[in-house]
Amino acid sequence: MDFLMSGLAACGACVFTNPLEVVKTRMQLQGELQAPGTYQRHYRNVFHAFITIGKVDGLAALQKGLAPALLYQFLMNGIRLGTYGLAEAGGYLHTAEGTHSPARSAVAGAMAGVMGAYLGSPIYMVKTHLQAQAASEIAVGHQYKHQGMFQALTEIGQKHGLVGLWRGALGGLPRVIIGSSTQLCTFSSTKDLLSQWEIFPPQSWKLALVAAMVSGIAVVLAMAPFDVACTRLYNQPTDAQGKNRVPKFSATSYSASAPLLGTKDVGIMKGQTGHQLFKVTQAPGWSPILLETQS
């Protein structure tokens, strides 16, 4: 039941945040492998991107990739938040003295996130492909011609097998490890700190709301560079053997990856505004199981 409730809660938020995810994806793909000033900026900021996509692709385009996004949220967060909630309820995140352990929370969050993200990697890849698809005048990144989630999964599976379906999965794990550990650790620590200060009444929804907002901001600042790399890895074109046709990105050197990811330092933080809005509303405080187990 913990896993089911966590997955359904994430899906509910996803319906409202998916347009932000579409904007984030396109802003992260904009200017890929091109020097600043050498490409046309179709999306100047998150608000301009909303208007541009709505005018050119239509308002429905803001919900592109919704089906795989919902399925991914259910799989990923059902496993991630459900597992973390069980660890919290079992007392594994507290020391022998009964105090909350940020280190244990970070490790538990990272492990739970890795399990969920790896299993849902094929769905996330297709979601990225669909959300990047746009009219030629505002297209950024490689343009796949998928007709839908099931058609895309079938085509990729037939052409490249299971290896093709999990392409980019390992490169996306640093993103999940950093993001999940930061988010869940910050949420638990903030919630405990606010409880100690007695700012809100015990078990108040305001307590979870503030903790969720703080953790959402923290995870975006920590995860944005990894998220840009992950988006571009998943959206890379492939040859007949399913191998990337552009230089592969080394997961061991995200901080030194500016020339590859988007040129200059700003490239690794692309889409951060849209990502921040998305992550605040996806924070663990919105999951009923975490509201219960962390009260």
Protein backbone atom coordinates (compact mmCIF):
# COMPACT_ATOMS: atom_id res chain seq x y z
CA MET A 1 0.00 0.00 0.00
CA ASP A 2 2.91 2.36 0.75
CA PHE A 3 4.26 1.95 -2.77
CA LEU A 4 0.82 2.37 -4.36
CA MET A 5 -0.01 5.56 -2.46
CA SER A 6 3.41 7.06 -3.17
CA GLY A 7 3.08 6.34 -6.89
CA LEU A 8 -0.45 7.72 -7.13
CA ALA A 9 0.54 10.89 -5.26
CA ALA A 10 3.41 11.47 -7.70
CA CYS A 11 1.09 10.91 -10.67
CA GLY A 12 -1.36 13.48 -9.33
CA ALA A 13 1.36 16.11 -9.17
CA CYS A 14 2.72 15.09 -12.57
CA VAL A 15 -0.48 16.09 -14.36
CA PHE A 16 0.11 19.71 -13.32
CA THR A 17 3.90 19.78 -13.59
CA ASN A 18 4.32 18.04 -16.95
CA PRO A 19 4.16 21.34 -18.91
CA LEU A 20 7.11 22.54 -16.82
CA GLU A 21 8.94 19.34 -17.68
CA VAL A 22 8.33 19.94 -21.40
CA VAL A 23 9.76 23.44 -21.10
CA LYS A 24 12.71 22.23 -19.05
CA THR A 25 13.57 19.51 -21.55
CA ARG A 26 13.59 21.88 -24.51
CA MET A 27 15.61 24.54 -22.72
CA GLN A 28 18.20 21.93 -21.75
CA LEU A 29 18.51 20.69 -25.34
CA GLN A 30 18.76 24.20 -26.76
CA GLY A 31 22.30 25.03 -27.93
CA GLU A 32 23.59 21.48 -27.52
CA LEU A 33 27.23 21.24 -28.68
CA GLN A 34 27.11 24.79 -30.04
CA ALA A 35 29.01 27.84 -28.85
CA PRO A 36 27.02 30.78 -27.41
CA GLY A 37 25.86 33.15 -30.11
CA THR A 38 26.09 30.58 -32.91
CA TYR A 39 22.54 29.24 -32.59
CA GLN A 40 19.05 30.71 -32.49
CA ARG A 41 17.51 30.85 -29.02
CA HIS A 42 13.92 29.75 -29.49
CA TYR A 43 13.33 29.76 -25.74
CA ARG A 44 14.74 32.78 -23.90
CA ASN A 45 13.34 31.81 -20.48
CA VAL A 46 10.70 29.59 -18.94
CA PHE A 47 7.87 32.08 -19.53
CA HIS A 48 8.89 32.78 -23.12
CA ALA A 49 9.11 29.02 -23.69
CA PHE A 50 5.52 28.54 -22.51
CA ILE A 51 4.27 31.22 -24.89
CA THR A 52 6.37 29.99 -27.83
CA ILE A 53 5.32 26.36 -27.47
CA GLY A 54 1.67 27.35 -27.05
CA LYS A 55 1.72 29.55 -30.17
CA VAL A 56 3.68 27.29 -32.51
CA ASP A 57 2.96 23.74 -31.34
CA GLY A 58 -0.40 24.45 -29.72
CA LEU A 59 -1.47 24.32 -26.10
CA ALA A 60 -1.78 20.53 -26.21
CA ALA A 61 1.97 20.34 -26.84
CA LEU A 62 2.58 21.51 -23.28
CA GLN A 63 1.35 18.09 -22.18
CA LYS A 64 3.54 16.11 -24.56
CA GLY A 65 4.86 12.91 -23.07
CA LEU A 66 2.21 12.87 -20.36
CA ALA A 67 1.54 9.12 -20.62
CA PRO A 68 5.17 8.04 -20.11
CA ALA A 69 5.61 10.80 -17.52
CA LEU A 70 2.73 9.39 -15.46
CA LEU A 71 4.00 5.84 -15.79
CA TYR A 72 7.54 6.87 -14.87
CA GLN A 73 6.36 8.83 -11.83
CA PHE A 74 4.32 5.86 -10.66
CA LEU A 75 7.21 3.42 -11.05
CA MET A 76 10.04 5.66 -9.92
CA ASN A 77 8.40 7.45 -7.00
CA GLY A 78 6.29 4.48 -6.00
CA ILE A 79 9.51 2.55 -5.41
CA ARG A 80 11.58 5.51 -4.21
CA LEU A 81 9.15 7.10 -1.74
CA GLY A 82 7.65 3.77 -0.72
CA THR A 83 11.05 2.30 0.11
CA TYR A 84 12.16 5.44 1.92
CA GLY A 85 8.89 5.54 3.87
CA LEU A 86 9.40 1.96 5.01
CA ALA A 87 12.95 2.77 6.10
CA GLU A 88 11.63 5.77 8.03
CA ALA A 89 8.86 3.76 9.68
CA GLY A 90 11.32 1.02 10.61
CA GLY A 91 13.59 3.48 12.40
CA TYR A 92 16.56 2.89 10.12
CA LEU A 93 17.05 6.62 9.57
CA HIS A 94 17.62 7.40 13.25
CA THR A 95 20.61 6.94 15.50
CA ALA A 96 20.66 4.79 18.63
CA GLU A 97 19.76 7.93 20.60
CA GLY A 98 16.63 8.39 18.49
CA THR A 99 17.80 11.50 16.61
CA HIS A 100 17.47 11.85 12.87
CA SER A 101 20.60 10.93 10.89
CA PRO A 102 21.14 13.05 7.73
CA ALA A 103 23.80 10.59 6.52
CA ARG A 104 21.47 7.61 6.78
CA SER A 105 18.70 9.56 5.08
CA ALA A 106 21.03 10.50 2.23
CA VAL A 107 22.13 6.88 1.72
CA ALA A 108 18.58 5.55 1.92
CA GLY A 109 17.34 8.21 -0.48
CA ALA A 110 20.11 7.47 -2.98
CA MET A 111 19.54 3.71 -2.90
CA ALA A 112 15.77 4.06 -3.20
CA GLY A 113 16.14 6.53 -6.07
CA VAL A 114 18.56 4.30 -7.99
CA MET A 115 16.19 1.34 -7.86
CA GLY A 116 13.22 3.32 -9.09
CA ALA A 117 15.08 5.27 -11.76
CA TYR A 118 16.86 2.29 -13.28
CA LEU A 119 13.67 0.25 -13.61
CA GLY A 120 11.87 3.21 -15.15
CA SER A 121 14.73 4.29 -17.43
CA PRO A 122 13.14 3.14 -20.74
CA ILE A 123 10.01 5.12 -19.91
CA TYR A 124 12.05 8.22 -19.04
CA MET A 125 13.97 7.96 -22.32
CA VAL A 126 10.75 7.83 -24.37
CA LYS A 127 9.32 10.70 -22.33
CA THR A 128 12.35 12.81 -23.21
CA HIS A 129 12.02 11.96 -26.91
CA LEU A 130 8.33 12.88 -26.99
CA GLN A 131 8.75 16.12 -25.05
CA ALA A 132 11.57 17.24 -27.36
CA GLN A 133 9.47 16.71 -30.50
CA ALA A 134 8.44 20.09 -31.89
CA ALA A 135 7.59 21.97 -35.07
CA SER A 136 10.68 22.52 -37.23
CA GLU A 137 10.79 26.27 -36.55
CA ILE A 138 11.27 25.79 -32.79
CA ALA A 139 12.87 22.34 -32.71
CA VAL A 140 15.93 21.77 -30.50
CA GLY A 141 18.04 18.66 -30.12
CA HIS A 142 17.59 15.48 -32.12
CA GLN A 143 14.03 15.00 -33.33
CA TYR A 144 12.64 11.48 -33.00
CA LYS A 145 9.40 10.71 -34.86
CA HIS A 146 7.59 8.66 -32.26
CA GLN A 147 3.81 8.41 -32.49
CA GLY A 148 3.34 7.49 -28.86
CA MET A 149 4.82 5.70 -25.86
CA PHE A 150 4.00 2.11 -26.83
CA GLN A 151 5.03 2.61 -30.46
CA ALA A 152 8.34 4.11 -29.32
CA LEU A 153 9.09 1.32 -26.84
CA THR A 154 8.20 -1.32 -29.43
CA GLU A 155 10.32 0.27 -32.15
CA ILE A 156 13.36 0.74 -29.92
CA GLY A 157 13.04 -2.78 -28.54
CA GLN A 158 12.77 -4.33 -32.01
CA LYS A 159 15.72 -2.39 -33.39
CA HIS A 160 18.12 -2.47 -30.47
CA GLY A 161 16.76 -4.97 -27.95
CA LEU A 162 16.88 -4.56 -24.17
CA VAL A 163 20.23 -2.78 -24.37
CA GLY A 164 18.63 -0.09 -26.50
CA LEU A 165 15.73 0.33 -24.10
CA TRP A 166 18.12 0.94 -21.21
CA ARG A 167 20.43 3.22 -23.21
CA GLY A 168 21.58 6.10 -21.04
CA ALA A 169 20.39 4.45 -17.83
CA LEU A 170 23.81 4.31 -16.19
CA GLY A 171 24.57 7.89 -17.21
CA GLY A 172 21.34 8.99 -15.54
CA LEU A 173 22.11 7.35 -12.20
CA PRO A 174 24.35 10.19 -10.87
CA ARG A 175 21.38 12.52 -11.39
CA VAL A 176 19.12 10.29 -9.33
CA ILE A 177 21.70 9.60 -6.62
CA ILE A 178 22.36 13.30 -6.07
CA GLY A 179 18.75 14.38 -6.47
CA SER A 180 17.05 11.70 -4.41
CA SER A 181 19.53 11.76 -1.54
CA THR A 182 19.45 15.56 -1.38
CA GLN A 183 15.68 15.76 -1.58
CA LEU A 184 14.77 13.14 0.98
CA CYS A 185 17.58 14.02 3.38
CA THR A 186 16.74 17.74 3.26
CA PHE A 187 13.03 17.06 3.68
CA SER A 188 13.51 14.91 6.77
CA SER A 189 16.08 17.24 8.32
CA THR A 190 13.99 20.35 7.72
CA LYS A 191 10.85 18.68 9.06
CA ASP A 192 12.64 17.57 12.24
CA LEU A 193 14.20 21.00 12.72
CA LEU A 194 10.86 22.77 12.36
CA SER A 195 9.30 20.32 14.81
CA GLN A 196 12.01 21.06 17.36
CA TRP A 197 11.43 24.80 16.97
CA GLU A 198 7.65 24.23 17.39
CA ILE A 199 6.89 26.75 14.64
CA PHE A 200 3.81 24.78 13.55
CA PRO A 201 1.45 22.52 15.51
CA PRO A 202 2.45 18.83 15.61
CA GLN A 203 1.37 16.87 12.50
CA SER A 204 0.35 20.11 10.75
CA TRP A 205 0.24 20.05 6.95
CA LYS A 206 2.17 23.32 7.00
CA LEU A 207 5.15 21.50 8.45
CA ALA A 208 5.33 19.13 5.49
CA LEU A 209 4.66 21.95 3.02
CA VAL A 210 7.57 24.11 4.19
CA ALA A 211 9.90 21.10 4.37
CA ALA A 212 8.87 20.08 0.85
CA MET A 213 9.57 23.56 -0.52
CA VAL A 214 13.00 23.71 1.10
CA SER A 215 13.92 20.24 -0.17
CA GLY A 216 12.64 21.11 -3.65
CA ILE A 217 14.92 24.14 -3.90
CA ALA A 218 17.89 22.21 -2.53
CA VAL A 219 17.52 19.32 -4.96
CA VAL A 220 17.31 21.61 -7.99
CA LEU A 221 20.51 23.44 -7.08
CA ALA A 222 22.30 20.12 -6.58
CA MET A 223 20.86 18.21 -9.52
CA ALA A 224 20.56 20.73 -12.38
CA PRO A 225 23.95 19.99 -14.05
CA PHE A 226 23.32 16.24 -13.86
CA ASP A 227 19.82 16.71 -15.24
CA VAL A 228 21.11 18.54 -18.32
CA ALA A 229 23.56 15.71 -19.00
CA CYS A 230 20.87 13.08 -18.50
CA THR A 231 18.42 14.77 -20.87
CA ARG A 232 21.04 15.05 -23.62
CA LEU A 233 22.22 11.47 -23.15
CA TYR A 234 18.71 10.10 -23.53
CA ASN A 235 17.94 12.27 -26.56
CA GLN A 236 21.12 11.49 -28.53
CA PRO A 237 20.64 9.99 -32.01
CA THR A 238 21.91 6.46 -32.58
CA ASP A 239 23.36 4.51 -35.49
CA ALA A 240 22.07 1.20 -36.83
CA GLN A 241 23.75 -0.66 -33.96
CA GLY A 242 22.09 1.56 -31.37
CA LYS A 243 25.29 3.39 -30.45
CA ASN A 244 25.41 7.14 -29.89
CA ARG A 245 26.42 9.15 -32.93
CA VAL A 246 27.91 11.99 -30.86
CA PRO A 247 30.74 11.90 -28.29
CA LYS A 248 29.71 10.12 -25.12
CA PHE A 249 29.65 12.05 -21.88
CA SER A 250 31.84 10.87 -19.04
CA ALA A 251 29.90 10.51 -15.80
CA THR A 252 33.12 11.01 -13.85
CA SER A 253 33.55 14.63 -14.80
CA TYR A 254 30.25 16.52 -14.76
CA SER A 255 31.89 19.64 -13.39
CA ALA A 256 34.37 19.82 -16.26
CA SER A 257 31.80 19.06 -18.94
CA ALA A 258 30.79 22.55 -20.05
CA PRO A 259 32.13 22.34 -23.63
CA LEU A 260 30.27 19.08 -24.23
CA LEU A 261 27.02 19.81 -22.43
CA GLY A 262 26.19 23.25 -23.65
CA THR A 263 29.33 25.35 -23.87
CA LYS A 264 30.52 27.60 -21.06
CA ASP A 265 29.47 27.20 -17.46
CA VAL A 266 25.87 28.31 -18.00
CA GLY A 267 25.21 25.26 -20.16
CA ILE A 268 25.11 22.86 -17.24
CA MET A 269 22.44 24.88 -15.44
CA LYS A 270 20.02 25.22 -18.37
CA GLY A 271 16.35 24.85 -17.57
CA GLN A 272 16.97 25.41 -13.86
CA THR A 273 13.98 27.73 -13.37
CA GLY A 274 11.54 25.31 -14.92
CA HIS A 275 13.21 22.44 -13.08
CA GLN A 276 12.93 24.24 -9.75
CA LEU A 277 9.19 24.82 -10.14
CA PHE A 278 8.80 21.19 -11.18
CA LYS A 279 10.76 19.77 -8.25
CA VAL A 280 9.11 21.89 -5.55
CA THR A 281 5.73 20.46 -6.53
CA GLN A 282 7.21 16.95 -6.76
CA ALA A 283 8.78 17.08 -3.29
CA PRO A 284 8.12 14.18 -0.94
CA GLY A 285 5.86 16.22 1.32
CA TRP A 286 3.03 15.70 -1.14
CA SER A 287 3.11 11.93 -0.68
CA PRO A 288 0.53 10.72 1.87
CA ILE A 289 2.81 7.92 3.05
CA LEU A 290 5.60 10.34 3.91
CA LEU A 291 3.19 12.73 5.60
CA GLU A 292 2.18 9.83 7.80
CA THR A 293 5.52 8.15 8.47
CA GLN A 294 7.42 11.37 9.15
CA SER A 295 4.86 12.93 11.49
